Amino acid sequence: MKLLRFGAAGAEKPGLLDAKGVLRDLSGIIPDLAGKALTSASLAKIGAIDPESLPKVAGAPRIGACVGDVRNFIAVGLNFADHAAETGAEIPKEPILFNKAPNCIVGPNDDVIIPKGSKKTDWEVELAIVIGDGGSYIPEDKAMAAIAGFAVCNDVSEREFQIERGGQWAKGKGCPTFGPLGPWMVTTDEVKDVQNLAMWLEVDGERVQNGSSKTMIFGCAYLVHYISQFMRLDPGDVITTGTPPGVGLGFKPPRFLKGGEVVKLGIEGLGEQQQHFKAYQG
């Protein structure tokens, strides 16, 4: 299934994209695509519904972030071998974890605001895991069963804040609008091989990232297992799993976003996003 949220920011409704690409309203079935609505029992209930029995959504509403009320937005750094190489970093022996502020999450096509004082705003196409049943101390061979689905994420990053302002990556990762998520969550049964998906990103029409999830150092199942050793993963938590090469920091000389750019990105089978980057006003 392709599950999504639509409507004005802060008032999104849950929806389903049917096999013909028609948007259907799920608000009579679940209150939101969030929390317990993402458990395996809830997804089975939704999957048993004939999509054509659901109301069609008229017009072309705004598409919101595909998951609502995210409590944990966990990110993995330097998780692609080819990206680590372009930054000159050593391959991590264990996953590098940090948090993005959950309230930085926005819709896949919403504007991204470059923070006040930013000099080094960067882009990162990433594969996001949406937790379903979750739990603590999840065995690796049970980890895929704890996942509700996968989505596209742009892990927007301010590199000066991240690297040069005291060593805390979170400083450059959770600024408002720095987490476009969606357009939809694709349930695990529709993703044949999550470790072999093409990933790409363009800036003003120029392809700058062109990679694959097959170069991930730590795969999705291992990440869920690993992270659950340190915190409980709840339904609706999001883990964004790292980026392939081609980020602005890796260019020689580095390239960063100043405002006015259009960034488009996508992952094979998971959909596409497009954002206008705008300079901070205020």
Protein backbone atom coordinates (compact mmCIF):
# COMPACT_ATOMS: atom_id res chain seq x y z
CA MET A 1 0.00 0.00 0.00
CA LYS A 2 0.94 3.62 -0.53
CA LEU A 3 -0.30 5.54 2.51
CA LEU A 4 -0.12 9.30 2.80
CA ARG A 5 -1.52 12.41 4.45
CA PHE A 6 -3.18 15.29 2.64
CA GLY A 7 -4.59 18.71 3.41
CA ALA A 8 -3.49 21.95 4.98
CA ALA A 9 -0.48 21.91 7.30
CA GLY A 10 -1.60 20.94 10.77
CA ALA A 11 -4.93 19.60 9.54
CA GLU A 12 -3.87 16.65 7.38
CA LYS A 13 -6.10 13.64 6.83
CA PRO A 14 -4.92 10.06 6.21
CA GLY A 15 -5.20 8.72 2.70
CA LEU A 16 -4.42 5.79 0.43
CA LEU A 17 -3.27 5.88 -3.17
CA ASP A 18 -5.09 3.14 -5.07
CA ALA A 19 -3.73 1.05 -7.94
CA LYS A 20 -4.98 3.61 -10.48
CA GLY A 21 -3.28 6.51 -8.69
CA VAL A 22 -6.53 7.82 -7.21
CA LEU A 23 -6.26 9.38 -3.77
CA ARG A 24 -8.74 7.86 -1.30
CA ASP A 25 -9.77 9.23 2.10
CA LEU A 26 -8.94 6.96 5.06
CA SER A 27 -10.21 9.30 7.78
CA GLY A 28 -13.28 7.14 8.33
CA ILE A 29 -10.99 4.22 9.17
CA ILE A 30 -8.15 5.81 11.17
CA PRO A 31 -7.84 9.30 12.68
CA ASP A 32 -4.34 9.88 11.27
CA LEU A 33 -1.41 8.01 9.80
CA ALA A 34 0.42 8.12 13.10
CA GLY A 35 1.24 6.08 16.18
CA LYS A 36 -0.88 2.97 16.64
CA ALA A 37 -2.41 3.35 13.19
CA LEU A 38 0.93 2.08 11.88
CA THR A 39 1.04 -1.20 13.80
CA SER A 40 0.84 -4.46 11.88
CA ALA A 41 -2.72 -5.06 13.15
CA SER A 42 -3.87 -1.65 11.93
CA LEU A 43 -2.15 -2.01 8.55
CA ALA A 44 -3.75 -5.44 8.10
CA LYS A 45 -7.15 -3.88 8.75
CA ILE A 46 -6.48 -1.17 6.16
CA GLY A 47 -5.13 -3.71 3.68
CA ALA A 48 -8.33 -5.73 3.89
CA ILE A 49 -10.43 -2.78 2.69
CA ASP A 50 -11.44 -2.51 -0.96
CA PRO A 51 -9.84 0.83 -1.92
CA GLU A 52 -12.74 1.63 -4.25
CA SER A 53 -15.06 1.60 -1.25
CA LEU A 54 -13.21 4.61 0.18
CA PRO A 55 -14.23 8.17 -0.78
CA LYS A 56 -12.26 9.81 -3.57
CA VAL A 57 -10.44 13.00 -2.66
CA ALA A 58 -11.41 15.84 -4.95
CA GLY A 59 -8.95 18.22 -6.56
CA ALA A 60 -5.22 18.29 -5.94
CA PRO A 61 -4.70 18.90 -2.23
CA ARG A 62 -1.37 19.60 -0.61
CA ILE A 63 0.48 16.40 0.33
CA GLY A 64 1.74 16.46 3.89
CA ALA A 65 4.44 14.45 5.59
CA CYS A 66 3.46 10.79 5.27
CA VAL A 67 3.65 10.22 9.04
CA GLY A 68 2.06 12.45 11.67
CA ASP A 69 2.94 13.13 15.29
CA VAL A 70 6.45 11.66 15.02
CA ARG A 71 7.97 11.35 18.49
CA ASN A 72 11.43 10.04 17.59
CA PHE A 73 13.17 11.21 14.41
CA ILE A 74 16.45 9.30 14.45
CA ALA A 75 19.16 9.67 11.83
CA VAL A 76 22.21 7.66 10.85
CA GLY A 77 25.40 9.40 9.78
CA LEU A 78 28.04 8.25 7.29
CA ASN A 79 26.09 5.11 6.44
CA PHE A 80 27.01 4.83 2.76
CA ALA A 81 30.50 3.62 1.92
CA ASP A 82 30.78 5.88 -1.14
CA HIS A 83 29.55 8.94 0.82
CA ALA A 84 32.06 8.30 3.62
CA ALA A 85 34.76 8.15 0.96
CA GLU A 86 33.79 11.50 -0.58
CA THR A 87 33.97 13.19 2.84
CA GLY A 88 37.30 11.56 3.69
CA ALA A 89 35.82 9.83 6.73
CA GLU A 90 36.65 6.35 7.97
CA ILE A 91 34.00 3.64 7.66
CA PRO A 92 32.19 3.58 11.01
CA LYS A 93 32.55 0.40 13.07
CA GLU A 94 29.07 0.97 14.51
CA PRO A 95 26.19 3.16 13.29
CA ILE A 96 26.57 6.87 14.06
CA LEU A 97 23.26 8.07 15.51
CA PHE A 98 21.84 11.52 16.07
CA ASN A 99 18.40 13.07 16.38
CA LYS A 100 16.61 15.44 14.08
CA ALA A 101 13.97 17.56 15.79
CA PRO A 102 10.59 15.93 15.07
CA ASN A 103 9.02 19.33 14.42
CA CYS A 104 11.37 19.89 11.47
CA ILE A 105 9.28 17.41 9.48
CA VAL A 106 7.30 18.98 6.62
CA GLY A 107 5.53 17.81 3.49
CA PRO A 108 7.55 16.50 0.54
CA ASN A 109 6.85 19.54 -1.61
CA ASP A 110 6.78 22.24 1.07
CA ASP A 111 9.26 25.11 0.98
CA VAL A 112 12.52 24.68 2.90
CA ILE A 113 13.73 27.74 4.78
CA ILE A 114 17.47 28.31 4.97
CA PRO A 115 18.19 29.23 8.61
CA LYS A 116 19.18 32.67 9.82
CA GLY A 117 22.93 33.06 9.49
CA SER A 118 23.37 29.92 7.41
CA LYS A 119 26.41 29.68 5.16
CA LYS A 120 26.44 25.95 4.39
CA THR A 121 22.96 24.52 3.86
CA ASP A 122 23.22 21.15 2.13
CA TRP A 123 21.00 18.41 0.67
CA GLU A 124 20.80 14.64 1.33
CA VAL A 125 18.42 12.17 -0.30
CA GLU A 126 17.74 9.41 2.22
CA LEU A 127 15.69 6.26 2.67
CA ALA A 128 13.48 6.56 5.76
CA ILE A 129 12.20 3.66 7.83
CA VAL A 130 8.79 4.06 9.49
CA ILE A 131 8.42 1.91 12.58
CA GLY A 132 5.30 -0.24 12.94
CA ASP A 133 5.16 -2.51 15.98
CA GLY A 134 8.57 -1.48 17.28
CA GLY A 135 9.93 -2.48 20.66
CA SER A 136 13.22 -2.82 22.52
CA TYR A 137 16.05 -5.33 21.92
CA ILE A 138 14.61 -6.40 18.57
CA PRO A 139 16.51 -9.37 17.07
CA GLU A 140 17.93 -8.62 13.63
CA ASP A 141 16.01 -11.53 12.09
CA LYS A 142 12.76 -10.02 13.47
CA ALA A 143 13.53 -6.42 12.60
CA MET A 144 11.73 -6.26 9.24
CA ALA A 145 8.52 -7.32 10.98
CA ALA A 146 8.86 -4.24 13.21
CA ILE A 147 8.82 -1.90 10.19
CA ALA A 148 5.59 -0.44 8.79
CA GLY A 149 7.11 0.88 5.59
CA PHE A 150 9.62 3.09 3.82
CA ALA A 151 9.62 6.66 2.52
CA VAL A 152 11.79 9.33 0.92
CA CYS A 153 13.45 11.86 3.23
CA ASN A 154 15.57 14.92 2.49
CA ASP A 155 17.93 15.15 5.46
CA VAL A 156 18.58 18.87 4.96
CA SER A 157 21.74 19.84 6.84
CA GLU A 158 23.56 23.04 7.80
CA ARG A 159 27.20 21.96 7.74
CA GLU A 160 28.69 24.88 9.68
CA PHE A 161 26.16 24.36 12.49
CA GLN A 162 26.74 20.59 12.32
CA ILE A 163 30.52 20.45 12.19
CA GLU A 164 31.97 23.78 13.29
CA ARG A 165 29.75 24.76 16.22
CA GLY A 166 30.84 22.40 18.99
CA GLY A 167 30.58 18.94 17.47
CA GLN A 168 26.90 18.24 18.03
CA TRP A 169 25.41 17.12 14.72
CA ALA A 170 21.88 17.87 15.92
CA LYS A 171 22.62 21.61 15.70
CA GLY A 172 22.72 21.43 11.91
CA LYS A 173 20.01 18.83 11.39
CA GLY A 174 16.80 19.93 13.11
CA CYS A 175 16.20 23.47 11.89
CA PRO A 176 12.59 24.24 10.92
CA THR A 177 11.60 22.57 7.59
CA PHE A 178 14.79 20.42 7.53
CA GLY A 179 12.86 17.12 7.28
CA PRO A 180 10.70 16.81 4.13
CA LEU A 181 9.13 13.33 4.34
CA GLY A 182 7.03 11.51 1.76
CA PRO A 183 5.12 11.76 -0.57
CA TRP A 184 3.87 8.47 0.86
CA MET A 185 4.89 5.54 2.98
CA VAL A 186 5.15 2.31 1.00
CA THR A 187 4.40 -0.74 3.14
CA THR A 188 7.12 -3.38 3.38
CA ASP A 189 5.20 -5.96 1.35
CA GLU A 190 5.50 -3.73 -1.74
CA VAL A 191 9.27 -3.21 -1.46
CA LYS A 192 10.96 -6.29 -2.90
CA ASP A 193 14.55 -5.44 -1.96
CA VAL A 194 15.01 -2.36 0.19
CA GLN A 195 18.79 -2.80 -0.05
CA ASN A 196 18.83 -2.31 -3.81
CA LEU A 197 16.90 0.88 -4.58
CA ALA A 198 18.15 3.65 -6.87
CA MET A 199 18.39 7.04 -5.15
CA TRP A 200 18.90 10.45 -6.78
CA LEU A 201 18.76 14.20 -6.18
CA GLU A 202 18.88 17.21 -8.50
CA VAL A 203 19.60 20.88 -7.81
CA ASP A 204 18.07 23.20 -10.40
CA GLY A 205 17.85 20.29 -12.83
CA GLU A 206 21.45 19.11 -12.35
CA ARG A 207 21.79 15.52 -11.11
CA VAL A 208 24.18 15.73 -8.15
CA GLN A 209 23.35 12.52 -6.27
CA ASN A 210 22.98 9.24 -8.12
CA GLY A 211 23.37 6.25 -5.82
CA SER A 212 21.78 3.14 -4.42
CA SER A 213 20.77 1.74 -1.06
CA LYS A 214 22.99 -1.25 -1.89
CA THR A 215 26.03 0.76 -0.72
CA MET A 216 24.63 1.22 2.79
CA ILE A 217 27.15 0.10 5.39
CA PHE A 218 24.45 -0.96 7.85
CA GLY A 219 21.21 -2.23 6.30
CA CYS A 220 17.69 -1.41 7.42
CA ALA A 221 17.14 -4.58 9.46
CA TYR A 222 20.43 -4.15 11.30
CA LEU A 223 19.71 -0.49 12.04
CA VAL A 224 16.34 -1.29 13.63
CA HIS A 225 17.97 -4.04 15.68
CA TYR A 226 20.90 -1.82 16.69
CA ILE A 227 18.92 1.29 17.60
CA SER A 228 16.48 -0.76 19.68
CA GLN A 229 19.38 -1.69 21.98
CA PHE A 230 19.57 1.94 23.14
CA MET A 231 15.97 3.17 23.02
CA ARG A 232 12.45 1.83 22.57
CA LEU A 233 11.15 2.22 19.06
CA ASP A 234 7.48 3.16 19.05
CA PRO A 235 4.90 2.99 16.24
CA GLY A 236 5.36 5.99 13.98
CA ASP A 237 9.00 6.66 14.85
CA VAL A 238 11.13 7.50 11.81
CA ILE A 239 14.72 6.45 11.14
CA THR A 240 16.46 8.13 8.21
CA THR A 241 19.33 5.95 7.12
CA GLY A 242 22.05 8.03 5.46
CA THR A 243 22.84 9.36 2.02
CA PRO A 244 24.83 8.32 -1.07
CA PRO A 245 27.60 10.56 -2.48
CA GLY A 246 27.00 13.88 -4.17
CA VAL A 247 26.20 16.18 -1.25
CA GLY A 248 27.34 19.79 -1.47
CA LEU A 249 29.99 19.25 1.21
CA GLY A 250 31.67 16.67 -1.01
CA PHE A 251 32.15 18.96 -4.01
CA LYS A 252 35.54 20.58 -4.61
CA PRO A 253 35.08 23.38 -3.81
CA PRO A 254 31.98 22.67 -1.68
CA ARG A 255 28.59 23.87 -2.96
CA PHE A 256 25.80 25.04 -0.70
CA LEU A 257 22.27 26.37 -1.05
CA LYS A 258 21.72 30.11 -0.72
CA GLY A 259 18.01 30.41 -1.53
CA GLY A 260 16.13 30.38 -4.82
CA GLU A 261 17.10 26.80 -5.76
CA VAL A 262 14.70 24.00 -6.63
CA VAL A 263 15.71 20.62 -5.24
CA LYS A 264 14.10 17.46 -6.62
CA LEU A 265 14.79 13.96 -5.28
CA GLY A 266 13.45 10.44 -5.31
CA ILE A 267 13.96 6.78 -4.53
CA GLU A 268 12.99 3.90 -6.79
CA GLY A 269 9.47 2.74 -5.93
CA LEU A 270 9.03 5.26 -3.10
CA GLY A 271 8.14 8.42 -5.03
CA GLU A 272 9.58 11.89 -5.53
CA GLN A 273 9.83 15.20 -3.70
CA GLN A 274 10.44 18.77 -4.85
CA GLN A 275 11.25 21.76 -2.66
CA HIS A 276 11.90 25.43 -3.24
CA PHE A 277 14.68 26.60 -0.94
CA LYS A 278 14.10 30.10 0.40
CA ALA A 279 16.33 32.42 2.39
CA TYR A 280 15.27 33.21 5.96
CA GLN A 281 13.20 36.37 6.24
CA GLY A 282 12.89 38.10 9.59
